Amino acid sequence: MPTFTMSKFLTTLKYYLKTIAFGSLICGCALYGVIASVILRLVNKGEYAQYTVARAFLYTFSWALGVKITVTNEKYLQSNPAIYISNHQSALDIFLLGKIFQPGFSVTAKRSLKFVPILGWFMLLSGTFFLDRSKSDKARKVLDSALASLKKDNRALFMFPEGTRSRTEKLEFLPFKKGAFHLAKQAGIPVVPIVISNTSNIFNSKRKVFNEGEIFVEVLPPVSTDDLETNEDVTKLCNKVNEDMLKVYQRIGYSKVRGGKAAPLTEQGNTVKKTAVKNADATAKIATVNDATAEEPIAKDSEDNIQAVEVSAEDTPLIVKD
């Protein structure tokens, strides 16, 4: 029991330390982004602002916190102009953007973020489209401007159709909102779905877990919006894309924990518990043999009196790993 208590304490401590490091990296990269955005605007390369900062965050985060990203079908990230959509799970998604973003990518954000020191400055200078959700008319004008920029400059807009973080440990999505699909229809550009493996076993604020490991990303082929005419058509396409993405999500499953497996945290824990049970069984067997030996000495060269106890590699003393 003390071993598990200590393991829980160390896991929680690691979570807080890595979370602080995570926040510090965001602030540091945002500050770098402010400087980079100013310089890139001066040389007329503003479309590289968010890409440059995203990559800086990707490399520093991967190195410092031990998380790797593997992308399948990366070629579809060159489908501009387009609207890219992805499932939204946790704050860790910011890190995922570092791998997904290409030159010309931008995002929408709540207007309130514009006033956050450093981060807001970077977002403003790098071309983020700020939306005031309480004023639909202004939000619509911002989106109209974004669409005009996408088509004119061959750029891309990245959105989370779930609208908020799901924070789920299951292989499921929240219902998709249709905004991204309406925008794609209005602009006459495709939607490019991106599916990210479940990362709840890598980063989990509820369970206070922040592991090292590998996250899997699969980019699906662009989905045309040329045939959309009515709101009902948009709804059908939204539902169809949701279903297609969910099938891929359930296929690629969970991210892979370093030293563990691509499975939920509950199964990672079961592995530890099973190992503990095996250790207890092995200890009991050895104790039984020792008792028998004490009562009846074993002749050194007599096979009839020799009892062997086999302990597999899995029965070695318990080491709890995160």
C-alpha atoms as a PDB file:
ATOM      1  CA  MET A   1       0.000   0.000   0.000  1.00  0.00           C
ATOM      2  CA  PRO A   2       2.756   2.557   0.790  1.00  0.00           C
ATOM      3  CA  THR A   3       4.238   1.880  -2.658  1.00  0.00           C
ATOM      4  CA  PHE A   4       0.999   2.884  -4.385  1.00  0.00           C
ATOM      5  CA  THR A   5       0.573   5.924  -2.127  1.00  0.00           C
ATOM      6  CA  MET A   6       4.065   7.116  -2.981  1.00  0.00           C
ATOM      7  CA  SER A   7       3.431   6.431  -6.667  1.00  0.00           C
ATOM      8  CA  LYS A   8       0.255   8.551  -6.564  1.00  0.00           C
ATOM      9  CA  PHE A   9       2.121  11.373  -4.850  1.00  0.00           C
ATOM     10  CA  LEU A  10       4.928  11.321  -7.425  1.00  0.00           C
ATOM     11  CA  THR A  11       2.444  11.192 -10.312  1.00  0.00           C
ATOM     12  CA  THR A  12       0.584  14.206  -8.953  1.00  0.00           C
ATOM     13  CA  LEU A  13       3.815  16.092  -8.312  1.00  0.00           C
ATOM     14  CA  LYS A  14       4.952  15.387 -11.856  1.00  0.00           C
ATOM     15  CA  TYR A  15       1.613  16.612 -13.182  1.00  0.00           C
ATOM     16  CA  TYR A  16       1.925  19.992 -11.455  1.00  0.00           C
ATOM     17  CA  LEU A  17       5.577  20.458 -12.365  1.00  0.00           C
ATOM     18  CA  LYS A  18       4.955  19.640 -16.024  1.00  0.00           C
ATOM     19  CA  THR A  19       1.827  21.807 -16.095  1.00  0.00           C
ATOM     20  CA  ILE A  20       3.880  24.757 -14.840  1.00  0.00           C
ATOM     21  CA  ALA A  21       6.492  24.005 -17.506  1.00  0.00           C
ATOM     22  CA  PHE A  22       3.713  23.756 -20.108  1.00  0.00           C
ATOM     23  CA  GLY A  23       2.351  27.195 -19.177  1.00  0.00           C
ATOM     24  CA  SER A  24       5.843  28.690 -19.133  1.00  0.00           C
ATOM     25  CA  LEU A  25       6.515  27.358 -22.625  1.00  0.00           C
ATOM     26  CA  ILE A  26       3.285  28.918 -23.895  1.00  0.00           C
ATOM     27  CA  CYS A  27       4.266  32.311 -22.444  1.00  0.00           C
ATOM     28  CA  GLY A  28       7.807  32.039 -23.777  1.00  0.00           C
ATOM     29  CA  CYS A  29       6.678  31.076 -27.264  1.00  0.00           C
ATOM     30  CA  ALA A  30       4.012  33.800 -27.252  1.00  0.00           C
ATOM     31  CA  LEU A  31       6.684  36.385 -26.417  1.00  0.00           C
ATOM     32  CA  TYR A  32       8.819  35.004 -29.230  1.00  0.00           C
ATOM     33  CA  GLY A  33       5.719  35.206 -31.419  1.00  0.00           C
ATOM     34  CA  VAL A  34       5.250  38.911 -30.747  1.00  0.00           C
ATOM     35  CA  ILE A  35       8.799  39.613 -31.950  1.00  0.00           C
ATOM     36  CA  ALA A  36       8.561  37.176 -34.874  1.00  0.00           C
ATOM     37  CA  SER A  37       5.198  38.585 -36.001  1.00  0.00           C
ATOM     38  CA  VAL A  38       6.527  42.130 -36.103  1.00  0.00           C
ATOM     39  CA  ILE A  39       9.585  41.095 -38.108  1.00  0.00           C
ATOM     40  CA  LEU A  40       7.584  38.901 -40.513  1.00  0.00           C
ATOM     41  CA  ARG A  41       5.088  41.692 -41.137  1.00  0.00           C
ATOM     42  CA  LEU A  42       7.930  44.073 -41.940  1.00  0.00           C
ATOM     43  CA  VAL A  43       9.226  41.673 -44.611  1.00  0.00           C
ATOM     44  CA  ASN A  44       5.691  40.964 -45.900  1.00  0.00           C
ATOM     45  CA  LYS A  45       5.644  37.353 -44.664  1.00  0.00           C
ATOM     46  CA  GLY A  46       2.867  37.618 -42.107  1.00  0.00           C
ATOM     47  CA  GLU A  47       1.380  34.285 -43.158  1.00  0.00           C
ATOM     48  CA  TYR A  48       4.343  32.551 -41.479  1.00  0.00           C
ATOM     49  CA  ALA A  49       3.710  34.101 -38.048  1.00  0.00           C
ATOM     50  CA  GLN A  50       1.484  31.454 -36.477  1.00  0.00           C
ATOM     51  CA  TYR A  51       3.325  28.635 -38.255  1.00  0.00           C
ATOM     52  CA  THR A  52       6.705  29.819 -36.918  1.00  0.00           C
ATOM     53  CA  VAL A  53       5.500  30.055 -33.331  1.00  0.00           C
ATOM     54  CA  ALA A  54       3.596  26.775 -33.569  1.00  0.00           C
ATOM     55  CA  ARG A  55       6.759  24.979 -34.654  1.00  0.00           C
ATOM     56  CA  ALA A  56       8.825  26.637 -31.929  1.00  0.00           C
ATOM     57  CA  PHE A  57       6.320  25.423 -29.343  1.00  0.00           C
ATOM     58  CA  LEU A  58       6.265  21.940 -30.899  1.00  0.00           C
ATOM     59  CA  TYR A  59      10.037  21.452 -30.720  1.00  0.00           C
ATOM     60  CA  THR A  60      10.525  22.905 -27.228  1.00  0.00           C
ATOM     61  CA  PHE A  61       7.540  21.004 -25.807  1.00  0.00           C
ATOM     62  CA  SER A  62       8.603  17.694 -27.363  1.00  0.00           C
ATOM     63  CA  TRP A  63      12.118  18.069 -26.024  1.00  0.00           C
ATOM     64  CA  ALA A  64      11.199  19.331 -22.562  1.00  0.00           C
ATOM     65  CA  LEU A  65       8.151  17.204 -21.775  1.00  0.00           C
ATOM     66  CA  GLY A  66       8.746  14.039 -23.779  1.00  0.00           C
ATOM     67  CA  VAL A  67       5.695  13.935 -26.049  1.00  0.00           C
ATOM     68  CA  LYS A  68       5.965  12.889 -29.698  1.00  0.00           C
ATOM     69  CA  ILE A  69       3.422  13.378 -32.509  1.00  0.00           C
ATOM     70  CA  THR A  70       3.080  11.053 -35.513  1.00  0.00           C
ATOM     71  CA  VAL A  71       0.973  12.293 -38.459  1.00  0.00           C
ATOM     72  CA  THR A  72      -0.547  10.093 -41.167  1.00  0.00           C
ATOM     73  CA  ASN A  73      -1.569  11.582 -44.551  1.00  0.00           C
ATOM     74  CA  GLU A  74       0.288  14.832 -43.885  1.00  0.00           C
ATOM     75  CA  LYS A  75      -0.043  15.668 -47.609  1.00  0.00           C
ATOM     76  CA  TYR A  76      -3.682  16.703 -47.033  1.00  0.00           C
ATOM     77  CA  LEU A  77      -2.459  19.621 -44.919  1.00  0.00           C
ATOM     78  CA  GLN A  78      -1.586  21.318 -48.220  1.00  0.00           C
ATOM     79  CA  SER A  79      -5.216  21.664 -49.362  1.00  0.00           C
ATOM     80  CA  ASN A  80      -5.533  25.465 -49.038  1.00  0.00           C
ATOM     81  CA  PRO A  81      -7.728  27.371 -49.221  1.00  0.00           C
ATOM     82  CA  ALA A  82      -9.689  25.247 -46.796  1.00  0.00           C
ATOM     83  CA  ILE A  83     -11.187  25.002 -43.346  1.00  0.00           C
ATOM     84  CA  TYR A  84      -9.480  22.396 -41.176  1.00  0.00           C
ATOM     85  CA  ILE A  85     -11.393  20.828 -38.290  1.00  0.00           C
ATOM     86  CA  SER A  86     -10.349  18.539 -35.464  1.00  0.00           C
ATOM     87  CA  ASN A  87     -11.646  16.921 -32.294  1.00  0.00           C
ATOM     88  CA  HIS A  88     -10.986  19.029 -29.199  1.00  0.00           C
ATOM     89  CA  GLN A  89      -9.920  17.296 -25.982  1.00  0.00           C
ATOM     90  CA  SER A  90      -7.796  19.403 -23.628  1.00  0.00           C
ATOM     91  CA  ALA A  91      -5.244  22.187 -23.308  1.00  0.00           C
ATOM     92  CA  LEU A  92      -2.776  19.777 -24.898  1.00  0.00           C
ATOM     93  CA  ASP A  93      -4.422  20.535 -28.270  1.00  0.00           C
ATOM     94  CA  ILE A  94      -2.350  23.733 -28.407  1.00  0.00           C
ATOM     95  CA  PHE A  95       0.704  21.513 -28.686  1.00  0.00           C
ATOM     96  CA  LEU A  96      -0.945  19.490 -31.481  1.00  0.00           C
ATOM     97  CA  LEU A  97      -1.393  22.655 -33.531  1.00  0.00           C
ATOM     98  CA  GLY A  98       2.383  22.957 -33.593  1.00  0.00           C
ATOM     99  CA  LYS A  99       2.549  19.856 -35.783  1.00  0.00           C
ATOM    100  CA  ILE A 100      -0.596  20.493 -37.826  1.00  0.00           C
ATOM    101  CA  PHE A 101      -0.145  24.168 -38.682  1.00  0.00           C
ATOM    102  CA  GLN A 102       1.337  25.092 -42.054  1.00  0.00           C
ATOM    103  CA  PRO A 103       2.212  28.550 -43.448  1.00  0.00           C
ATOM    104  CA  GLY A 104      -1.006  30.488 -43.953  1.00  0.00           C
ATOM    105  CA  PHE A 105      -2.966  28.782 -41.168  1.00  0.00           C
ATOM    106  CA  SER A 106      -4.895  30.892 -38.681  1.00  0.00           C
ATOM    107  CA  VAL A 107      -7.498  30.415 -35.962  1.00  0.00           C
ATOM    108  CA  THR A 108     -10.568  32.055 -34.500  1.00  0.00           C
ATOM    109  CA  ALA A 109     -10.590  32.968 -30.817  1.00  0.00           C
ATOM    110  CA  LYS A 110     -12.759  34.625 -28.189  1.00  0.00           C
ATOM    111  CA  ARG A 111     -12.449  38.401 -28.273  1.00  0.00           C
ATOM    112  CA  SER A 112     -11.460  38.433 -24.583  1.00  0.00           C
ATOM    113  CA  LEU A 113      -8.165  36.705 -25.419  1.00  0.00           C
ATOM    114  CA  LYS A 114      -7.067  39.800 -27.307  1.00  0.00           C
ATOM    115  CA  PHE A 115      -6.505  41.546 -23.968  1.00  0.00           C
ATOM    116  CA  VAL A 116      -4.380  38.816 -22.371  1.00  0.00           C
ATOM    117  CA  PRO A 117      -0.797  40.132 -22.013  1.00  0.00           C
ATOM    118  CA  ILE A 118       1.783  38.593 -24.381  1.00  0.00           C
ATOM    119  CA  LEU A 119      -0.530  35.833 -25.699  1.00  0.00           C
ATOM    120  CA  GLY A 120      -3.126  38.339 -26.875  1.00  0.00           C
ATOM    121  CA  TRP A 121      -0.473  40.553 -28.424  1.00  0.00           C
ATOM    122  CA  PHE A 122       0.896  37.639 -30.402  1.00  0.00           C
ATOM    123  CA  MET A 123      -2.528  36.514 -31.563  1.00  0.00           C
ATOM    124  CA  LEU A 124      -3.402  40.022 -32.674  1.00  0.00           C
ATOM    125  CA  LEU A 125      -0.151  40.516 -34.592  1.00  0.00           C
ATOM    126  CA  SER A 126      -0.268  37.057 -36.203  1.00  0.00           C
ATOM    127  CA  GLY A 127      -3.680  37.448 -37.805  1.00  0.00           C
ATOM    128  CA  THR A 128      -6.034  35.648 -35.411  1.00  0.00           C
ATOM    129  CA  PHE A 129      -9.728  36.345 -36.065  1.00  0.00           C
ATOM    130  CA  PHE A 130     -11.347  37.439 -32.800  1.00  0.00           C
ATOM    131  CA  LEU A 131     -15.064  36.750 -32.359  1.00  0.00           C
ATOM    132  CA  ASP A 132     -17.421  38.511 -29.964  1.00  0.00           C
ATOM    133  CA  ARG A 133     -19.945  35.743 -29.347  1.00  0.00           C
ATOM    134  CA  SER A 134     -22.335  38.126 -27.603  1.00  0.00           C
ATOM    135  CA  LYS A 135     -22.651  40.220 -30.766  1.00  0.00           C
ATOM    136  CA  SER A 136     -23.490  37.990 -33.705  1.00  0.00           C
ATOM    137  CA  ASP A 137     -23.445  40.806 -36.281  1.00  0.00           C
ATOM    138  CA  LYS A 138     -19.853  41.742 -35.455  1.00  0.00           C
ATOM    139  CA  ALA A 139     -18.821  38.100 -35.353  1.00  0.00           C
ATOM    140  CA  ARG A 140     -20.328  37.575 -38.789  1.00  0.00           C
ATOM    141  CA  LYS A 141     -18.391  40.516 -40.194  1.00  0.00           C
ATOM    142  CA  VAL A 142     -15.142  39.117 -38.767  1.00  0.00           C
ATOM    143  CA  LEU A 143     -15.851  35.736 -40.341  1.00  0.00           C
ATOM    144  CA  ASP A 144     -16.714  37.347 -43.695  1.00  0.00           C
ATOM    145  CA  SER A 145     -13.340  39.091 -43.569  1.00  0.00           C
ATOM    146  CA  ALA A 146     -11.649  35.789 -42.702  1.00  0.00           C
ATOM    147  CA  LEU A 147     -13.253  34.024 -45.655  1.00  0.00           C
ATOM    148  CA  ALA A 148     -12.218  36.774 -48.053  1.00  0.00           C
ATOM    149  CA  SER A 149      -8.643  36.469 -46.791  1.00  0.00           C
ATOM    150  CA  LEU A 150      -8.662  32.670 -47.179  1.00  0.00           C
ATOM    151  CA  LYS A 151      -9.631  32.747 -50.830  1.00  0.00           C
ATOM    152  CA  LYS A 152      -7.562  35.764 -51.798  1.00  0.00           C
ATOM    153  CA  ASP A 153      -4.313  34.693 -50.138  1.00  0.00           C
ATOM    154  CA  ASN A 154      -4.734  30.896 -50.389  1.00  0.00           C
ATOM    155  CA  ARG A 155      -4.840  30.499 -46.619  1.00  0.00           C
ATOM    156  CA  ALA A 156      -6.579  28.234 -44.108  1.00  0.00           C
ATOM    157  CA  LEU A 157      -8.738  28.531 -41.014  1.00  0.00           C
ATOM    158  CA  PHE A 158      -8.533  25.978 -38.208  1.00  0.00           C
ATOM    159  CA  MET A 159     -11.619  25.286 -36.067  1.00  0.00           C
ATOM    160  CA  PHE A 160     -12.871  22.843 -33.416  1.00  0.00           C
ATOM    161  CA  PRO A 161     -16.445  21.876 -34.388  1.00  0.00           C
ATOM    162  CA  GLU A 162     -17.174  20.468 -30.925  1.00  0.00           C
ATOM    163  CA  GLY A 163     -16.980  24.046 -29.670  1.00  0.00           C
ATOM    164  CA  THR A 164     -15.358  23.163 -26.343  1.00  0.00           C
ATOM    165  CA  ARG A 165     -12.976  20.625 -24.824  1.00  0.00           C
ATOM    166  CA  SER A 166     -14.571  17.222 -24.425  1.00  0.00           C
ATOM    167  CA  ARG A 167     -12.147  16.057 -21.685  1.00  0.00           C
ATOM    168  CA  THR A 168     -13.389  12.537 -22.352  1.00  0.00           C
ATOM    169  CA  GLU A 169     -11.590   9.302 -21.558  1.00  0.00           C
ATOM    170  CA  LYS A 170     -13.849   7.450 -23.986  1.00  0.00           C
ATOM    171  CA  LEU A 171     -13.620   7.161 -27.758  1.00  0.00           C
ATOM    172  CA  GLU A 172     -16.468   9.556 -28.448  1.00  0.00           C
ATOM    173  CA  PHE A 173     -17.100  13.127 -29.644  1.00  0.00           C
ATOM    174  CA  LEU A 174     -19.335  15.922 -28.468  1.00  0.00           C
ATOM    175  CA  PRO A 175     -21.977  16.903 -31.057  1.00  0.00           C
ATOM    176  CA  PHE A 176     -20.492  18.973 -33.894  1.00  0.00           C
ATOM    177  CA  LYS A 177     -21.597  22.565 -34.398  1.00  0.00           C
ATOM    178  CA  LYS A 178     -22.243  23.500 -38.023  1.00  0.00           C
ATOM    179  CA  GLY A 179     -20.374  26.833 -38.126  1.00  0.00           C
ATOM    180  CA  ALA A 180     -17.282  25.511 -39.898  1.00  0.00           C
ATOM    181  CA  PHE A 181     -19.419  23.839 -42.550  1.00  0.00           C
ATOM    182  CA  HIS A 182     -21.510  26.955 -43.160  1.00  0.00           C
ATOM    183  CA  LEU A 183     -18.317  28.962 -43.598  1.00  0.00           C
ATOM    184  CA  ALA A 184     -16.887  26.399 -46.025  1.00  0.00           C
ATOM    185  CA  LYS A 185     -20.135  26.451 -48.023  1.00  0.00           C
ATOM    186  CA  GLN A 186     -20.185  30.245 -48.074  1.00  0.00           C
ATOM    187  CA  ALA A 187     -16.598  30.433 -49.313  1.00  0.00           C
ATOM    188  CA  GLY A 188     -16.898  27.460 -51.664  1.00  0.00           C
ATOM    189  CA  ILE A 189     -13.847  25.755 -50.143  1.00  0.00           C
ATOM    190  CA  PRO A 190     -13.371  22.215 -48.756  1.00  0.00           C
ATOM    191  CA  VAL A 191     -13.381  20.991 -45.185  1.00  0.00           C
ATOM    192  CA  VAL A 192     -10.353  18.924 -44.158  1.00  0.00           C
ATOM    193  CA  PRO A 193     -11.044  16.651 -41.134  1.00  0.00           C
ATOM    194  CA  ILE A 194      -8.208  15.856 -38.724  1.00  0.00           C
ATOM    195  CA  VAL A 195      -8.503  13.120 -36.095  1.00  0.00           C
ATOM    196  CA  ILE A 196      -6.321  13.103 -32.980  1.00  0.00           C
ATOM    197  CA  SER A 197      -5.974   9.976 -30.845  1.00  0.00           C
ATOM    198  CA  ASN A 198      -7.432  10.127 -27.353  1.00  0.00           C
ATOM    199  CA  THR A 199      -4.859  11.945 -25.200  1.00  0.00           C
ATOM    200  CA  SER A 200      -6.488  11.434 -21.799  1.00  0.00           C
ATOM    201  CA  ASN A 201      -3.774   8.898 -20.925  1.00  0.00           C
ATOM    202  CA  ILE A 202      -1.078  11.496 -21.695  1.00  0.00           C
ATOM    203  CA  PHE A 203      -2.635  14.594 -20.119  1.00  0.00           C
ATOM    204  CA  ASN A 204      -5.517  14.321 -17.682  1.00  0.00           C
ATOM    205  CA  SER A 205      -6.328  17.254 -15.396  1.00  0.00           C
ATOM    206  CA  LYS A 206      -9.010  15.287 -13.537  1.00  0.00           C
ATOM    207  CA  ARG A 207      -6.672  12.439 -12.585  1.00  0.00           C
ATOM    208  CA  LYS A 208      -3.624  14.733 -12.293  1.00  0.00           C
ATOM    209  CA  VAL A 209      -1.626  12.798 -14.884  1.00  0.00           C
ATOM    210  CA  PHE A 210       0.921  14.186 -17.353  1.00  0.00           C
ATOM    211  CA  ASN A 211       2.821  11.331 -19.022  1.00  0.00           C
ATOM    212  CA  GLU A 212       5.421  11.078 -21.744  1.00  0.00           C
ATOM    213  CA  GLY A 213       4.325   9.279 -24.871  1.00  0.00           C
ATOM    214  CA  GLU A 214       3.244   9.388 -28.498  1.00  0.00           C
ATOM    215  CA  ILE A 215       0.103  10.997 -29.971  1.00  0.00           C
ATOM    216  CA  PHE A 216      -1.302   9.821 -33.287  1.00  0.00           C
ATOM    217  CA  VAL A 217      -2.872  12.172 -35.834  1.00  0.00           C
ATOM    218  CA  GLU A 218      -4.612  11.167 -39.064  1.00  0.00           C
ATOM    219  CA  VAL A 219      -5.585  13.713 -41.718  1.00  0.00           C
ATOM    220  CA  LEU A 220      -8.565  12.729 -43.853  1.00  0.00           C
ATOM    221  CA  PRO A 221      -9.027  13.707 -47.523  1.00  0.00           C
ATOM    222  CA  PRO A 222     -10.633  17.119 -48.200  1.00  0.00           C
ATOM    223  CA  VAL A 223     -14.435  17.083 -48.262  1.00  0.00           C
ATOM    224  CA  SER A 224     -15.970  19.200 -51.028  1.00  0.00           C
ATOM    225  CA  THR A 225     -18.773  21.666 -50.254  1.00  0.00           C
ATOM    226  CA  ASP A 226     -19.569  22.464 -53.916  1.00  0.00           C
ATOM    227  CA  ASP A 227     -22.891  20.582 -53.877  1.00  0.00           C
ATOM    228  CA  LEU A 228     -24.261  22.222 -50.733  1.00  0.00           C
ATOM    229  CA  GLU A 229     -27.299  24.379 -51.413  1.00  0.00           C
ATOM    230  CA  THR A 230     -29.553  24.363 -48.347  1.00  0.00           C
ATOM    231  CA  ASN A 231     -29.127  24.356 -44.581  1.00  0.00           C
ATOM    232  CA  GLU A 232     -30.311  20.766 -44.621  1.00  0.00           C
ATOM    233  CA  ASP A 233     -27.423  19.886 -46.937  1.00  0.00           C
ATOM    234  CA  VAL A 234     -25.015  21.476 -44.473  1.00  0.00           C
ATOM    235  CA  THR A 235     -26.523  19.498 -41.590  1.00  0.00           C
ATOM    236  CA  LYS A 236     -26.213  16.232 -43.495  1.00  0.00           C
ATOM    237  CA  LEU A 237     -22.578  16.944 -44.384  1.00  0.00           C
ATOM    238  CA  CYS A 238     -21.786  17.877 -40.783  1.00  0.00           C
ATOM    239  CA  ASN A 239     -23.271  14.607 -39.526  1.00  0.00           C
ATOM    240  CA  LYS A 240     -21.503  12.587 -42.237  1.00  0.00           C
ATOM    241  CA  VAL A 241     -18.104  14.089 -41.417  1.00  0.00           C
ATOM    242  CA  ASN A 242     -18.744  13.509 -37.714  1.00  0.00           C
ATOM    243  CA  GLU A 243     -19.460   9.830 -38.396  1.00  0.00           C
ATOM    244  CA  ASP A 244     -16.407   9.408 -40.639  1.00  0.00           C
ATOM    245  CA  MET A 245     -14.117  11.071 -38.100  1.00  0.00           C
ATOM    246  CA  LEU A 246     -15.548   8.970 -35.267  1.00  0.00           C
ATOM    247  CA  LYS A 247     -14.807   5.750 -37.163  1.00  0.00           C
ATOM    248  CA  VAL A 248     -11.179   6.820 -37.603  1.00  0.00           C
ATOM    249  CA  TYR A 249     -11.009   7.952 -33.956  1.00  0.00           C
ATOM    250  CA  GLN A 250     -12.182   4.559 -32.743  1.00  0.00           C
ATOM    251  CA  ARG A 251      -9.711   2.849 -35.076  1.00  0.00           C
ATOM    252  CA  ILE A 252      -6.604   4.767 -34.009  1.00  0.00           C
ATOM    253  CA  GLY A 253      -7.796   4.730 -30.393  1.00  0.00           C
ATOM    254  CA  TYR A 254      -5.590   5.991 -27.588  1.00  0.00           C
ATOM    255  CA  SER A 255      -2.209   7.657 -27.567  1.00  0.00           C
ATOM    256  CA  LYS A 256       0.700   5.504 -26.434  1.00  0.00           C
ATOM    257  CA  VAL A 257       2.151   6.091 -22.984  1.00  0.00           C
ATOM    258  CA  ARG A 258       5.925   5.732 -22.789  1.00  0.00           C
ATOM    259  CA  GLY A 259       6.702   2.490 -21.009  1.00  0.00           C
ATOM    260  CA  GLY A 260       3.039   1.516 -21.244  1.00  0.00           C
ATOM    261  CA  LYS A 261       0.622   0.962 -24.071  1.00  0.00           C
ATOM    262  CA  ALA A 262      -1.984   2.660 -26.267  1.00  0.00           C
ATOM    263  CA  ALA A 263      -4.828   2.198 -23.813  1.00  0.00           C
ATOM    264  CA  PRO A 264      -6.921   4.149 -21.263  1.00  0.00           C
ATOM    265  CA  LEU A 265      -5.407   5.109 -17.925  1.00  0.00           C
ATOM    266  CA  THR A 266      -7.636   2.570 -16.208  1.00  0.00           C
ATOM    267  CA  GLU A 267      -5.989  -0.237 -18.171  1.00  0.00           C
ATOM    268  CA  GLN A 268      -2.540   1.179 -17.494  1.00  0.00           C
ATOM    269  CA  GLY A 269      -3.452   0.949 -13.810  1.00  0.00           C
ATOM    270  CA  ASN A 270      -4.748  -2.600 -14.206  1.00  0.00           C
ATOM    271  CA  THR A 271      -1.349  -3.624 -15.522  1.00  0.00           C
ATOM    272  CA  VAL A 272       0.250  -2.354 -12.328  1.00  0.00           C
ATOM    273  CA  LYS A 273      -2.327  -4.071 -10.146  1.00  0.00           C
ATOM    274  CA  LYS A 274      -1.905  -7.401 -11.941  1.00  0.00           C
ATOM    275  CA  THR A 275       1.845  -7.175 -11.502  1.00  0.00           C
ATOM    276  CA  ALA A 276       1.364  -6.518  -7.801  1.00  0.00           C
ATOM    277  CA  VAL A 277      -0.836  -9.615  -7.473  1.00  0.00           C
ATOM    278  CA  LYS A 278       1.781 -11.711  -9.265  1.00  0.00           C
ATOM    279  CA  ASN A 279       4.441 -10.434  -6.880  1.00  0.00           C
ATOM    280  CA  ALA A 280       2.304 -11.405  -3.925  1.00  0.00           C
ATOM    281  CA  ASP A 281       1.712 -14.886  -5.361  1.00  0.00           C
ATOM    282  CA  ALA A 282       5.418 -15.361  -6.041  1.00  0.00           C
ATOM    283  CA  THR A 283       6.272 -14.286  -2.490  1.00  0.00           C
ATOM    284  CA  ALA A 284       3.740 -16.737  -1.078  1.00  0.00           C
ATOM    285  CA  LYS A 285       5.163 -19.602  -3.159  1.00  0.00           C
ATOM    286  CA  ILE A 286       8.706 -18.879  -2.015  1.00  0.00           C
ATOM    287  CA  ALA A 287       7.576 -18.659   1.609  1.00  0.00           C
ATOM    288  CA  THR A 288       5.845 -22.039   1.298  1.00  0.00           C
ATOM    289  CA  VAL A 289       8.989 -23.631  -0.103  1.00  0.00           C
ATOM    290  CA  ASN A 290      11.115 -22.126   2.663  1.00  0.00           C
ATOM    291  CA  ASP A 291       8.776 -23.495   5.323  1.00  0.00           C
ATOM    292  CA  ALA A 292       8.848 -26.933   3.759  1.00  0.00           C
ATOM    293  CA  THR A 293      12.619 -26.783   3.556  1.00  0.00           C
ATOM    294  CA  ALA A 294      12.934 -25.855   7.200  1.00  0.00           C
ATOM    295  CA  GLU A 295      10.804 -28.810   8.301  1.00  0.00           C
ATOM    296  CA  GLU A 296      12.429 -31.388   5.997  1.00  0.00           C
ATOM    297  CA  PRO A 297      16.032 -30.818   4.784  1.00  0.00           C
ATOM    298  CA  ILE A 298      16.584 -31.450   1.114  1.00  0.00           C
ATOM    299  CA  ALA A 299      19.279 -33.840   0.040  1.00  0.00           C
ATOM    300  CA  LYS A 300      21.688 -31.953  -2.179  1.00  0.00           C
ATOM    301  CA  ASP A 301      21.889 -34.504  -4.975  1.00  0.00           C
ATOM    302  CA  SER A 302      18.480 -36.122  -4.716  1.00  0.00           C
ATOM    303  CA  GLU A 303      16.015 -35.199  -7.477  1.00  0.00           C
ATOM    304  CA  ASP A 304      13.151 -36.633  -5.458  1.00  0.00           C
ATOM    305  CA  ASN A 305      13.653 -34.010  -2.741  1.00  0.00           C
ATOM    306  CA  ILE A 306      14.266 -30.986  -4.971  1.00  0.00           C
ATOM    307  CA  GLN A 307      11.409 -28.536  -5.595  1.00  0.00           C
ATOM    308  CA  ALA A 308      11.908 -25.712  -8.116  1.00  0.00           C
ATOM    309  CA  VAL A 309      10.114 -22.407  -8.025  1.00  0.00           C
ATOM    310  CA  GLU A 310      10.046 -20.527 -11.335  1.00  0.00           C
ATOM    311  CA  VAL A 311       9.699 -16.737 -11.206  1.00  0.00           C
ATOM    312  CA  SER A 312       9.119 -15.087 -14.572  1.00  0.00           C
ATOM    313  CA  ALA A 313      10.379 -11.668 -15.588  1.00  0.00           C
ATOM    314  CA  GLU A 314       6.938 -10.260 -14.776  1.00  0.00           C
ATOM    315  CA  ASP A 315       7.255 -11.454 -11.192  1.00  0.00           C
ATOM    316  CA  THR A 316      10.230  -9.275 -10.335  1.00  0.00           C
ATOM    317  CA  PRO A 317       9.811  -6.750  -7.461  1.00  0.00           C
ATOM    318  CA  LEU A 318       7.155  -4.154  -8.267  1.00  0.00           C
ATOM    319  CA  ILE A 319       8.323  -0.918  -9.809  1.00  0.00           C
ATOM    320  CA  VAL A 320       5.505   1.551 -10.326  1.00  0.00           C
ATOM    321  CA  LYS A 321       5.959   3.526 -13.518  1.00  0.00           C
ATOM    322  CA  ASP A 322       3.976   6.526 -14.625  1.00  0.00           C
END
